[in-house]
Amino acid sequence: MTVSRVINGQKGVGVDTRTAVEEAIRALGYTPNVAARSLVTSAEPKIGVIYSNPSAAFMSDFLIGVFEEASARGVRLVLLKGESGKPRQRPG
């Protein structure tokens, strides 16, 4: 709980303890796991891509990069096709 409070910037942790935890985080090179955090927060991180009639070659190269980056970051990829550079409006 203490480490979680420090990482999330919450109150209830003494100055000395907070400093020790922050130093340990830096020393260990800790970075939060986005996918694991989304399980706790029930927020699902997403990358949205809106495109309008690009060439097939562009989409192939572009999407390979986007898929790789989304996978590496543990986020969901959402693709939407737009018309004339604008996203389509959802019904209702």
N, C-alpha and C. Protein backbone atom coordinates (compact mmCIF):
# COMPACT_ATOMS: atom_id res chain seq x y z
N MET A 1 0.82 -1.20 0.00
CA MET A 1 0.00 0.00 0.00
C MET A 1 0.86 1.26 0.00
N THR A 2 1.96 1.23 0.74
CA THR A 2 2.80 2.42 0.83
C THR A 2 3.39 2.77 -0.53
N VAL A 3 3.93 1.77 -1.23
CA VAL A 3 4.51 2.02 -2.54
C VAL A 3 3.44 2.52 -3.50
N SER A 4 2.28 1.92 -3.46
CA SER A 4 1.17 2.35 -4.31
C SER A 4 0.81 3.80 -4.03
N ARG A 5 0.77 4.17 -2.76
CA ARG A 5 0.45 5.56 -2.40
C ARG A 5 1.49 6.52 -2.95
N VAL A 6 2.74 6.14 -2.87
CA VAL A 6 3.81 7.00 -3.38
C VAL A 6 3.69 7.14 -4.90
N ILE A 7 3.53 6.02 -5.59
CA ILE A 7 3.44 6.04 -7.05
C ILE A 7 2.25 6.87 -7.52
N ASN A 8 1.15 6.79 -6.80
CA ASN A 8 -0.07 7.51 -7.20
C ASN A 8 -0.18 8.90 -6.59
N GLY A 9 0.86 9.34 -5.86
CA GLY A 9 0.87 10.68 -5.31
C GLY A 9 -0.17 10.91 -4.23
N GLN A 10 -0.53 9.85 -3.52
CA GLN A 10 -1.54 9.98 -2.47
C GLN A 10 -0.92 10.39 -1.15
N LYS A 11 -1.75 10.91 -0.27
CA LYS A 11 -1.32 11.29 1.06
C LYS A 11 -1.20 10.05 1.94
N GLY A 12 -0.71 10.26 3.18
CA GLY A 12 -0.64 9.17 4.13
C GLY A 12 0.70 8.46 4.18
N VAL A 13 1.73 9.07 3.59
CA VAL A 13 3.07 8.50 3.62
C VAL A 13 4.01 9.57 4.16
N GLY A 14 4.80 9.20 5.15
CA GLY A 14 5.75 10.14 5.73
C GLY A 14 6.80 10.58 4.73
N VAL A 15 7.39 11.75 4.98
CA VAL A 15 8.38 12.31 4.07
C VAL A 15 9.58 11.37 3.89
N ASP A 16 10.10 10.84 4.97
CA ASP A 16 11.26 9.93 4.88
C ASP A 16 10.92 8.66 4.11
N THR A 17 9.74 8.11 4.38
CA THR A 17 9.31 6.89 3.69
C THR A 17 9.11 7.17 2.21
N ARG A 18 8.45 8.29 1.89
CA ARG A 18 8.21 8.65 0.49
C ARG A 18 9.55 8.80 -0.24
N THR A 19 10.50 9.46 0.38
CA THR A 19 11.83 9.65 -0.22
C THR A 19 12.51 8.31 -0.47
N ALA A 20 12.45 7.41 0.51
CA ALA A 20 13.08 6.09 0.38
C ALA A 20 12.44 5.30 -0.76
N VAL A 21 11.12 5.34 -0.86
CA VAL A 21 10.42 4.62 -1.93
C VAL A 21 10.79 5.21 -3.28
N GLU A 22 10.79 6.54 -3.39
CA GLU A 22 11.14 7.18 -4.66
C GLU A 22 12.57 6.86 -5.08
N GLU A 23 13.49 6.80 -4.12
CA GLU A 23 14.87 6.44 -4.43
C GLU A 23 14.97 4.99 -4.91
N ALA A 24 14.21 4.10 -4.26
CA ALA A 24 14.20 2.69 -4.68
C ALA A 24 13.62 2.55 -6.09
N ILE A 25 12.58 3.30 -6.39
CA ILE A 25 11.97 3.27 -7.73
C ILE A 25 13.01 3.68 -8.78
N ARG A 26 13.73 4.77 -8.50
CA ARG A 26 14.77 5.22 -9.44
C ARG A 26 15.89 4.21 -9.56
N ALA A 27 16.37 3.69 -8.45
CA ALA A 27 17.49 2.74 -8.45
C ALA A 27 17.15 1.46 -9.21
N LEU A 28 15.91 1.02 -9.08
CA LEU A 28 15.48 -0.22 -9.74
C LEU A 28 15.03 0.01 -11.18
N GLY A 29 14.84 1.27 -11.56
CA GLY A 29 14.35 1.56 -12.91
C GLY A 29 12.91 1.11 -13.10
N TYR A 30 12.13 1.17 -12.02
CA TYR A 30 10.74 0.70 -12.07
C TYR A 30 9.89 1.60 -12.97
N THR A 31 9.09 0.98 -13.79
CA THR A 31 8.05 1.68 -14.55
C THR A 31 6.76 0.89 -14.40
N PRO A 32 5.64 1.58 -14.17
CA PRO A 32 4.37 0.88 -14.00
C PRO A 32 3.97 0.11 -15.26
N ASN A 33 3.33 -1.02 -15.08
CA ASN A 33 2.80 -1.82 -16.18
C ASN A 33 1.41 -1.28 -16.50
N VAL A 34 1.26 -0.73 -17.70
CA VAL A 34 0.01 -0.09 -18.09
C VAL A 34 -1.16 -1.07 -18.06
N ALA A 35 -0.94 -2.28 -18.56
CA ALA A 35 -2.02 -3.27 -18.60
C ALA A 35 -2.45 -3.66 -17.18
N ALA A 36 -1.47 -3.85 -16.29
CA ALA A 36 -1.80 -4.22 -14.91
C ALA A 36 -2.54 -3.09 -14.22
N ARG A 37 -2.13 -1.87 -14.45
CA ARG A 37 -2.81 -0.73 -13.82
C ARG A 37 -4.25 -0.61 -14.30
N SER A 38 -4.49 -0.93 -15.57
CA SER A 38 -5.85 -0.81 -16.08
C SER A 38 -6.78 -1.81 -15.42
N LEU A 39 -6.24 -2.94 -14.94
CA LEU A 39 -7.07 -3.91 -14.22
C LEU A 39 -7.56 -3.32 -12.91
N VAL A 40 -6.72 -2.54 -12.26
CA VAL A 40 -7.08 -1.95 -10.97
C VAL A 40 -7.98 -0.74 -11.16
N THR A 41 -7.64 0.10 -12.12
CA THR A 41 -8.39 1.35 -12.31
C THR A 41 -9.63 1.14 -13.18
N SER A 42 -9.71 0.00 -13.81
CA SER A 42 -10.75 -0.35 -14.79
C SER A 42 -10.78 0.62 -15.96
N ALA A 43 -9.72 1.39 -16.10
CA ALA A 43 -9.58 2.25 -17.27
C ALA A 43 -8.73 1.49 -18.28
N GLU A 44 -9.15 1.49 -19.49
CA GLU A 44 -8.42 0.77 -20.52
C GLU A 44 -7.73 1.78 -21.43
N PRO A 45 -6.39 1.84 -21.37
CA PRO A 45 -5.69 2.78 -22.24
C PRO A 45 -5.83 2.38 -23.70
N LYS A 46 -6.01 3.38 -24.55
CA LYS A 46 -6.22 3.12 -25.98
C LYS A 46 -5.40 4.08 -26.81
N ILE A 47 -5.04 3.64 -28.00
CA ILE A 47 -4.48 4.51 -29.03
C ILE A 47 -5.50 4.52 -30.14
N GLY A 48 -5.94 5.70 -30.52
CA GLY A 48 -6.92 5.83 -31.60
C GLY A 48 -6.26 6.30 -32.87
N VAL A 49 -6.60 5.69 -33.99
CA VAL A 49 -6.09 6.09 -35.29
C VAL A 49 -7.28 6.34 -36.20
N ILE A 50 -7.36 7.55 -36.73
CA ILE A 50 -8.42 7.89 -37.69
C ILE A 50 -7.73 8.14 -39.02
N TYR A 51 -8.19 7.48 -40.05
CA TYR A 51 -7.56 7.63 -41.36
C TYR A 51 -8.60 7.82 -42.44
N SER A 52 -8.17 8.40 -43.56
CA SER A 52 -9.07 8.62 -44.67
C SER A 52 -8.36 8.32 -45.98
N ASN A 53 -8.69 7.20 -46.58
CA ASN A 53 -8.21 6.78 -47.90
C ASN A 53 -6.71 6.88 -48.13
N PRO A 54 -5.88 6.40 -47.23
CA PRO A 54 -4.45 6.40 -47.52
C PRO A 54 -4.11 5.24 -48.46
N SER A 55 -2.92 5.29 -49.02
CA SER A 55 -2.52 4.21 -49.92
C SER A 55 -2.31 2.92 -49.12
N ALA A 56 -2.43 1.80 -49.81
CA ALA A 56 -2.27 0.50 -49.16
C ALA A 56 -0.86 0.35 -48.60
N ALA A 57 0.15 0.82 -49.33
CA ALA A 57 1.53 0.71 -48.86
C ALA A 57 1.73 1.51 -47.58
N PHE A 58 1.18 2.72 -47.55
CA PHE A 58 1.29 3.56 -46.36
C PHE A 58 0.63 2.87 -45.17
N MET A 59 -0.58 2.38 -45.37
CA MET A 59 -1.31 1.75 -44.26
C MET A 59 -0.58 0.53 -43.75
N SER A 60 0.00 -0.25 -44.64
CA SER A 60 0.72 -1.45 -44.21
C SER A 60 1.89 -1.08 -43.31
N ASP A 61 2.76 -0.20 -43.75
CA ASP A 61 3.92 0.20 -42.95
C ASP A 61 3.49 0.91 -41.67
N PHE A 62 2.54 1.79 -41.79
CA PHE A 62 2.07 2.56 -40.64
C PHE A 62 1.46 1.65 -39.58
N LEU A 63 0.57 0.75 -40.00
CA LEU A 63 -0.12 -0.11 -39.05
C LEU A 63 0.82 -1.10 -38.37
N ILE A 64 1.83 -1.57 -39.07
CA ILE A 64 2.80 -2.45 -38.43
C ILE A 64 3.44 -1.71 -37.26
N GLY A 65 3.84 -0.47 -37.48
CA GLY A 65 4.44 0.33 -36.41
C GLY A 65 3.46 0.59 -35.28
N VAL A 66 2.23 0.92 -35.61
CA VAL A 66 1.22 1.20 -34.58
C VAL A 66 0.91 -0.06 -33.77
N PHE A 67 0.75 -1.19 -34.43
CA PHE A 67 0.48 -2.44 -33.72
C PHE A 67 1.62 -2.78 -32.77
N GLU A 68 2.87 -2.64 -33.24
CA GLU A 68 4.03 -2.95 -32.40
C GLU A 68 4.07 -2.04 -31.17
N GLU A 69 3.86 -0.75 -31.38
CA GLU A 69 3.91 0.20 -30.27
C GLU A 69 2.78 -0.06 -29.28
N ALA A 70 1.58 -0.29 -29.76
CA ALA A 70 0.46 -0.58 -28.87
C ALA A 70 0.72 -1.83 -28.06
N SER A 71 1.24 -2.86 -28.71
CA SER A 71 1.54 -4.10 -28.02
C SER A 71 2.62 -3.90 -26.96
N ALA A 72 3.66 -3.16 -27.30
CA ALA A 72 4.76 -2.92 -26.36
C ALA A 72 4.28 -2.13 -25.14
N ARG A 73 3.29 -1.29 -25.32
CA ARG A 73 2.79 -0.46 -24.22
C ARG A 73 1.58 -1.08 -23.52
N GLY A 74 1.10 -2.20 -24.01
CA GLY A 74 -0.03 -2.87 -23.37
C GLY A 74 -1.33 -2.10 -23.50
N VAL A 75 -1.53 -1.46 -24.65
CA VAL A 75 -2.76 -0.69 -24.85
C VAL A 75 -3.56 -1.26 -26.01
N ARG A 76 -4.83 -0.93 -26.03
CA ARG A 76 -5.72 -1.38 -27.10
C ARG A 76 -5.65 -0.40 -28.26
N LEU A 77 -5.64 -0.92 -29.47
CA LEU A 77 -5.60 -0.11 -30.67
C LEU A 77 -7.00 -0.01 -31.24
N VAL A 78 -7.44 1.22 -31.52
CA VAL A 78 -8.76 1.46 -32.10
C VAL A 78 -8.56 2.15 -33.44
N LEU A 79 -9.07 1.56 -34.52
CA LEU A 79 -8.95 2.13 -35.86
C LEU A 79 -10.33 2.59 -36.33
N LEU A 80 -10.38 3.81 -36.85
CA LEU A 80 -11.62 4.34 -37.40
C LEU A 80 -11.33 4.93 -38.77
N LYS A 81 -12.22 4.67 -39.72
CA LYS A 81 -12.05 5.27 -41.04
C LYS A 81 -12.86 6.54 -41.08
N GLY A 82 -12.20 7.63 -41.45
CA GLY A 82 -12.87 8.91 -41.56
C GLY A 82 -13.14 9.25 -43.01
N GLU A 83 -14.07 10.11 -43.23
CA GLU A 83 -14.36 10.59 -44.59
C GLU A 83 -13.83 12.01 -44.72
N SER A 84 -13.07 12.27 -45.76
CA SER A 84 -12.50 13.60 -46.00
C SER A 84 -11.72 14.11 -44.81
N GLY A 85 -11.02 13.21 -44.13
CA GLY A 85 -10.20 13.61 -43.00
C GLY A 85 -10.95 13.82 -41.70
N LYS A 86 -12.26 13.56 -41.70
CA LYS A 86 -13.06 13.74 -40.48
C LYS A 86 -13.60 12.39 -40.03
N PRO A 87 -13.62 12.14 -38.73
CA PRO A 87 -14.20 10.87 -38.26
C PRO A 87 -15.70 10.84 -38.51
N ARG A 88 -16.21 9.64 -38.80
CA ARG A 88 -17.65 9.50 -38.97
C ARG A 88 -18.35 9.67 -37.63
N GLN A 89 -19.52 10.24 -37.67
CA GLN A 89 -20.31 10.41 -36.45
C GLN A 89 -20.97 9.09 -36.11
N ARG A 90 -20.94 8.75 -34.84
CA ARG A 90 -21.61 7.53 -34.39
C ARG A 90 -23.11 7.79 -34.30
N PRO A 91 -23.92 6.80 -34.66
CA PRO A 91 -25.37 6.99 -34.53
C PRO A 91 -25.77 7.11 -33.07
N GLY A 92 -26.78 7.94 -32.83
CA GLY A 92 -27.39 8.06 -31.51
C GLY A 92 -26.54 8.72 -30.54
